[in-house]
Protein backbone atom coordinates (compact mmCIF):
# COMPACT_ATOMS: atom_id res chain seq x y z
CA UNK A 1 44.56 122.82 138.26
CA UNK A 2 41.50 124.14 140.08
CA UNK A 3 38.19 122.36 139.69
CA UNK A 4 34.74 122.03 141.24
CA UNK A 5 34.10 118.46 142.34
CA UNK A 6 32.40 116.23 144.89
CA UNK A 7 33.67 113.40 147.07
CA UNK A 8 30.28 111.82 147.78
CA UNK A 9 26.70 112.01 146.58
CA UNK A 10 24.42 114.51 148.27
CA UNK A 11 22.97 118.00 148.11
CA UNK A 12 24.61 121.11 146.65
CA UNK A 13 26.71 121.44 149.79
CA UNK A 14 28.89 118.45 148.79
CA UNK A 15 30.39 120.48 145.94
CA UNK A 16 33.97 121.49 146.69
CA UNK A 17 36.54 123.71 144.97
CA UNK A 18 40.24 123.00 145.02
CA UNK A 19 43.27 121.46 143.35
CA UNK A 20 43.09 118.24 141.35
CA UNK A 21 45.62 116.63 138.97
CA UNK A 22 45.86 118.09 135.46
CA UNK A 23 44.45 115.89 132.67
CA UNK A 24 46.70 114.80 129.80
CA UNK A 25 45.72 114.66 126.13
CA UNK A 26 45.78 111.06 124.93
CA UNK A 27 45.95 109.87 121.31
CA UNK A 28 43.38 111.72 119.20
CA UNK A 29 42.61 114.16 122.00
CA UNK A 30 43.16 117.85 122.63
CA UNK A 31 43.83 119.47 125.98
CA UNK A 32 41.69 122.57 126.38
CA UNK A 33 42.21 125.43 128.82
CA UNK A 34 38.59 125.97 129.84
CA UNK A 35 37.35 129.56 129.79
CA UNK A 36 33.66 128.81 130.41
CA UNK A 37 31.54 125.79 131.31
CA UNK A 38 27.78 125.57 131.57
CA UNK A 39 25.53 124.05 134.22
CA UNK A 40 22.95 121.50 133.07
CA UNK A 41 20.21 119.71 134.96
CA UNK A 42 22.06 116.44 134.50
CA UNK A 43 24.96 117.80 136.56
CA UNK A 44 23.06 118.03 139.83
CA UNK A 45 21.29 114.75 139.12
CA UNK A 46 24.67 113.03 138.85
CA UNK A 47 25.80 114.74 142.08
CA UNK A 48 22.60 113.73 143.89
CA UNK A 49 22.96 110.08 142.84
CA UNK A 50 19.94 109.88 140.53
CA UNK A 51 21.99 107.98 137.95
CA UNK A 52 24.48 105.14 138.40
CA UNK A 53 26.46 105.64 141.63
CA UNK A 54 29.88 107.27 141.29
CA UNK A 55 32.72 105.27 142.85
CA UNK A 56 35.79 107.11 141.53
CA UNK A 57 36.36 110.31 143.49
CA UNK A 58 37.03 113.20 143.30
CA UNK A 59 34.36 113.47 140.60
CA UNK A 60 34.29 116.56 138.37
CA UNK A 61 30.90 117.18 136.70
CA UNK A 62 30.24 119.27 133.61
CA UNK A 63 29.35 118.31 130.04
CA UNK A 64 29.93 121.39 127.84
CA UNK A 65 32.61 124.04 127.71
CA UNK A 66 34.50 126.58 125.64
CA UNK A 67 38.21 127.34 125.77
CA UNK A 68 41.58 127.34 124.03
CA UNK A 69 43.64 124.34 122.89
CA UNK A 70 46.84 124.09 124.98
CA UNK A 71 48.18 120.67 123.95
CA UNK A 72 47.68 118.08 121.21
CA UNK A 73 47.57 114.33 121.60
CA UNK A 74 49.21 112.00 119.09
CA UNK A 75 47.54 112.03 115.70
CA UNK A 76 45.63 115.31 116.04
CA UNK A 77 46.03 117.25 112.78
CA UNK A 78 42.96 119.48 112.54
CA UNK A 79 43.74 121.79 115.48
CA UNK A 80 46.72 123.82 116.60
CA UNK A 81 47.76 125.11 120.01
CA UNK A 82 45.98 128.41 120.57
CA UNK A 83 42.80 127.52 118.64
CA UNK A 84 39.59 128.61 120.35
CA UNK A 85 37.15 125.68 120.53
CA UNK A 86 33.98 124.51 122.22
CA UNK A 87 32.31 121.18 122.68
CA UNK A 88 30.25 118.63 124.55
CA UNK A 89 31.82 115.66 126.32
CA UNK A 90 31.39 112.13 125.00
CA UNK A 91 28.61 110.03 126.48
CA UNK A 92 29.93 108.76 129.79
CA UNK A 93 32.54 111.52 130.12
CA UNK A 94 32.24 114.68 132.20
CA UNK A 95 34.81 117.00 133.87
CA UNK A 96 34.11 120.43 132.33
CA UNK A 97 33.96 122.12 135.77
CA UNK A 98 37.72 122.58 135.69
CA UNK A 99 40.52 124.75 134.36
CA UNK A 100 41.52 122.06 131.84
CA UNK A 101 39.81 119.19 130.05
CA UNK A 102 41.10 116.47 127.70
CA UNK A 103 38.60 115.52 125.01
CA UNK A 104 38.44 113.73 121.66
CA UNK A 105 39.38 116.22 118.93
CA UNK A 106 36.79 114.77 116.55
CA UNK A 107 33.88 116.01 118.70
CA UNK A 108 35.22 119.55 119.24
CA UNK A 109 34.38 122.51 117.00
CA UNK A 110 35.98 125.88 116.39
CA UNK A 111 34.55 128.75 118.38
CA UNK A 112 33.35 131.55 116.10
CA UNK A 113 34.84 134.98 116.77
CA UNK A 114 31.31 136.40 116.93
CA UNK A 115 30.52 134.48 120.14
CA UNK A 116 32.18 134.70 123.54
CA UNK A 117 33.37 131.63 125.42
CA UNK A 118 30.42 131.99 127.81
CA UNK A 119 27.96 132.10 124.91
CA UNK A 120 29.46 129.02 123.26
CA UNK A 121 29.37 127.08 126.51
CA UNK A 122 25.76 128.16 127.00
CA UNK A 123 24.53 126.84 123.65
CA UNK A 124 26.63 123.69 123.23
CA UNK A 125 24.63 120.95 124.97
CA UNK A 126 21.24 122.64 124.77
CA UNK A 127 21.76 123.18 121.04
CA UNK A 128 22.81 119.57 120.49
CA UNK A 129 19.81 118.31 122.42
CA UNK A 130 17.35 120.57 120.60
CA UNK A 131 18.75 119.72 117.17
CA UNK A 132 18.74 115.98 117.80
CA UNK A 133 15.20 116.18 119.20
CA UNK A 134 13.46 118.57 116.82
CA UNK A 135 15.28 117.99 113.54
CA UNK A 136 16.67 114.46 113.78
CA UNK A 137 14.06 112.67 115.93
CA UNK A 138 10.78 114.53 115.39
CA UNK A 139 11.74 115.61 111.85
CA UNK A 140 9.60 118.71 112.27
CA UNK A 141 8.47 120.32 109.03
CA UNK A 142 7.27 123.73 107.94
CA UNK A 143 3.55 124.22 108.52
CA UNK A 144 3.33 121.71 111.38
CA UNK A 145 2.34 122.53 114.98
CA UNK A 146 4.55 121.57 117.91
CA UNK A 147 3.98 121.82 121.66
CA UNK A 148 7.23 122.39 123.56
CA UNK A 149 6.82 121.76 127.28
CA UNK A 150 8.85 123.83 129.78
CA UNK A 151 9.59 126.71 127.44
CA UNK A 152 11.78 128.87 129.68
CA UNK A 153 14.55 126.28 130.04
CA UNK A 154 17.69 126.33 127.93
CA UNK A 155 16.89 123.36 125.67
CA UNK A 156 13.28 124.41 125.17
CA UNK A 157 14.25 128.01 124.43
CA UNK A 158 16.62 126.85 121.70
CA UNK A 159 13.98 124.42 120.39
CA UNK A 160 11.33 127.17 120.16
CA UNK A 161 13.58 129.26 117.95
CA UNK A 162 14.65 126.26 115.88
CA UNK A 163 11.03 125.24 115.29
CA UNK A 164 10.14 128.77 114.17
CA UNK A 165 13.16 128.79 111.85
CA UNK A 166 11.90 125.55 110.32
CA UNK A 167 8.53 127.21 109.75
CA UNK A 168 6.36 125.47 112.37
CA UNK A 169 3.67 126.93 114.64
CA UNK A 170 4.99 126.79 118.19
CA UNK A 171 3.00 126.38 121.42
CA UNK A 172 4.82 126.29 124.73
CA UNK A 173 4.16 126.25 128.48
CA UNK A 174 5.61 128.44 131.22
CA UNK A 175 4.74 130.59 134.23
CA UNK A 176 3.28 134.02 133.46
CA UNK A 177 6.57 135.73 134.35
CA UNK A 178 8.19 134.11 131.31
CA UNK A 179 5.46 134.63 128.73
CA UNK A 180 6.94 137.81 127.28
CA UNK A 181 10.37 136.20 127.05
CA UNK A 182 8.98 133.18 125.20
CA UNK A 183 7.03 135.32 122.76
CA UNK A 184 10.26 137.19 122.05
CA UNK A 185 11.79 133.82 121.11
CA UNK A 186 8.99 133.28 118.60
CA UNK A 187 6.36 131.25 120.47
CA UNK A 188 2.93 131.67 118.86
CA UNK A 189 0.96 130.58 121.94
CA UNK A 190 2.10 130.40 125.56
CA UNK A 191 0.15 128.43 128.17
CA UNK A 192 0.25 129.36 131.86
CA UNK A 193 0.78 125.95 133.45
CA UNK A 194 -0.29 127.33 136.84
CA UNK A 195 -3.73 128.38 135.59
CA UNK A 196 -4.46 126.28 132.50
CA UNK A 197 -4.68 122.56 131.76
CA UNK A 198 -2.80 122.30 128.47
CA UNK A 199 -4.86 119.26 127.44
CA UNK A 200 -7.96 121.46 127.49
CA UNK A 201 -6.57 124.30 125.37
CA UNK A 202 -4.33 122.44 122.89
CA UNK A 203 -5.19 119.67 120.44
CA UNK A 204 -4.27 118.33 117.03
CA UNK A 205 -0.53 118.86 117.38
CA UNK A 206 1.78 117.18 114.91
CA UNK A 207 4.54 116.90 117.49
CA UNK A 208 5.34 117.32 121.18
CA UNK A 209 8.79 117.96 122.63
CA UNK A 210 8.77 117.47 126.41
CA UNK A 211 11.56 118.80 128.65
CA UNK A 212 9.61 118.51 131.93
CA UNK A 213 8.95 114.79 132.49
CA UNK A 214 6.62 113.10 134.98
CA UNK A 215 2.88 113.57 134.58
CA UNK A 216 3.39 116.38 132.08
CA UNK A 217 5.14 113.94 129.77
CA UNK A 218 2.45 111.28 130.10
CA UNK A 219 -0.40 113.74 129.55
CA UNK A 220 1.25 115.26 126.50
CA UNK A 221 0.04 112.38 124.32
CA UNK A 222 -3.48 113.76 124.65
CA UNK A 223 -2.74 116.79 122.46
CA UNK A 224 -1.38 114.83 119.49
CA UNK A 225 -3.29 114.26 116.29
CA UNK A 226 -3.56 110.70 114.90
CA UNK A 227 -0.12 109.82 113.59
CA UNK A 228 1.54 112.48 115.75
CA UNK A 229 4.94 111.96 117.33
CA UNK A 230 6.56 112.93 120.62
CA UNK A 231 10.11 113.20 121.96
CA UNK A 232 11.08 113.23 125.63
CA UNK A 233 14.35 114.22 127.32
CA UNK A 234 13.29 114.33 130.99
CA UNK A 235 11.71 110.92 131.47
CA UNK A 236 14.58 108.64 132.42
CA UNK A 237 16.39 106.45 129.92
CA UNK A 238 13.29 105.59 127.91
CA UNK A 239 10.37 107.56 126.56
CA UNK A 240 6.93 107.17 128.17
CA UNK A 241 4.84 104.45 126.58
CA UNK A 242 2.27 105.87 124.19
CA UNK A 243 -1.33 104.99 125.10
CA UNK A 244 -2.24 104.86 121.41
CA UNK A 245 -0.85 102.68 118.66
CA UNK A 246 -1.04 105.54 116.14
CA UNK A 247 1.48 107.69 118.05
CA UNK A 248 5.26 107.53 117.95
CA UNK A 249 7.06 107.99 121.28
CA UNK A 250 10.81 108.43 121.17
CA UNK A 251 13.77 109.40 123.33
CA UNK A 252 16.27 111.31 121.16
CA UNK A 253 19.83 110.08 120.84
CA UNK A 254 21.98 113.14 121.35
CA UNK A 255 25.01 112.53 119.18
CA UNK A 256 28.23 114.25 120.20
CA UNK A 257 29.86 115.29 116.94
CA UNK A 258 31.37 118.30 115.22
CA UNK A 259 28.67 118.44 112.54
CA UNK A 260 25.94 119.27 115.07
CA UNK A 261 28.17 121.84 116.78
CA UNK A 262 28.85 123.51 113.43
CA UNK A 263 25.10 123.54 112.79
CA UNK A 264 24.59 125.35 116.12
CA UNK A 265 27.20 127.93 115.10
CA UNK A 266 25.44 128.49 111.77
CA UNK A 267 22.04 128.96 113.43
CA UNK A 268 23.34 131.37 116.07
CA UNK A 269 25.72 133.43 113.93
CA UNK A 270 23.11 133.55 111.17
CA UNK A 271 20.53 135.04 113.53
CA UNK A 272 18.03 132.17 113.46
CA UNK A 273 18.65 131.37 117.14
CA UNK A 274 19.86 133.73 119.82
CA UNK A 275 21.96 132.82 122.82
CA UNK A 276 19.85 132.30 125.97
CA UNK A 277 19.99 134.65 128.92
CA UNK A 278 23.15 133.85 130.89
CA UNK A 279 23.62 134.00 134.64
CA UNK A 280 27.32 133.81 135.48
CA UNK A 281 29.05 132.21 138.46
CA UNK A 282 32.66 131.70 139.45
CA UNK A 283 33.75 128.07 139.43
CA UNK A 284 34.21 128.30 143.20
CA UNK A 285 30.45 129.00 143.47
CA UNK A 286 29.41 125.59 142.10
CA UNK A 287 27.28 124.78 145.15
CA UNK A 288 25.25 127.98 144.73
CA UNK A 289 24.83 127.38 141.00
CA UNK A 290 23.62 123.82 141.60
CA UNK A 291 21.08 125.05 144.12
CA UNK A 292 19.61 127.40 141.50
CA UNK A 293 19.63 124.71 138.80
CA UNK A 294 17.98 122.19 141.09
CA UNK A 295 15.13 124.67 141.73
CA UNK A 296 14.14 124.13 138.05
CA UNK A 297 12.73 127.63 137.56
CA UNK A 298 15.74 129.17 135.85
CA UNK A 299 15.30 131.18 132.67
CA UNK A 300 18.13 130.63 130.23
CA UNK A 301 21.50 129.20 131.29
CA UNK A 302 23.92 129.18 134.19
CA UNK A 303 27.55 129.48 133.08
CA UNK A 304 30.82 129.28 135.03
CA UNK A 305 33.39 131.85 133.95
CA UNK A 306 36.50 129.80 134.61
CA UNK A 307 39.18 132.16 133.23
């Protein structure tokens, strides 16, 4: 099969495109012919060596995908060959940047007819992350106020819409060019991070969801009310330490399971959340896509159209 992979850590230029061995569905797994796979920030961080060093090459990145089941491993009863599915790889597994992927059937969901493969790939991991952060970890409630940092990104864009669906007041941060887009997603207040210090214009928030990391994450505690809580997904393996004992600081655990994927489908097909803007690339253009992702100013999602 064809795949995008790298043979060593480095910049976008280390990404290659070529033939690699086909995967095989093991017990409890399905083999999926990938039609679309999305690009996430974690992909280029793995390639660049920001996480644990890779030693088994060629290494195929990619965490979420959509496609069609082409083979069943022993014991798989809930899918048939030809079923359209989408999913997010198990923790520790990647390899979605390829024409085929073998994955545990229990963490794959059926693709709704209403959504294309590209759309399902675009919402899979960002939807999981937003759900686990906003609903499961922060337990956001109607009437509360949440600050979502880095609003134009895929996870934050999904989280803005989810928070509005819950009934919260949503504040977010972005460059001026994205303010109209974020208001169209439902944001009640948008802060220009180039011209405004968010700690000077926001206060008394019930919750903060940070997707930016660094100093932005650390300074976000300042806008929380007593008893407020914060969740962080861009600050390494642990959440920043809260400077106040009355604040909860958590790093969400993003569970890979069918229930969360079905919840994403319900939100999107029901109209509560819309699919982010998609910029498409061929799988052979992985280096170019990584360069854009690494620039961290993308609006929406990058998606490989594999088939």
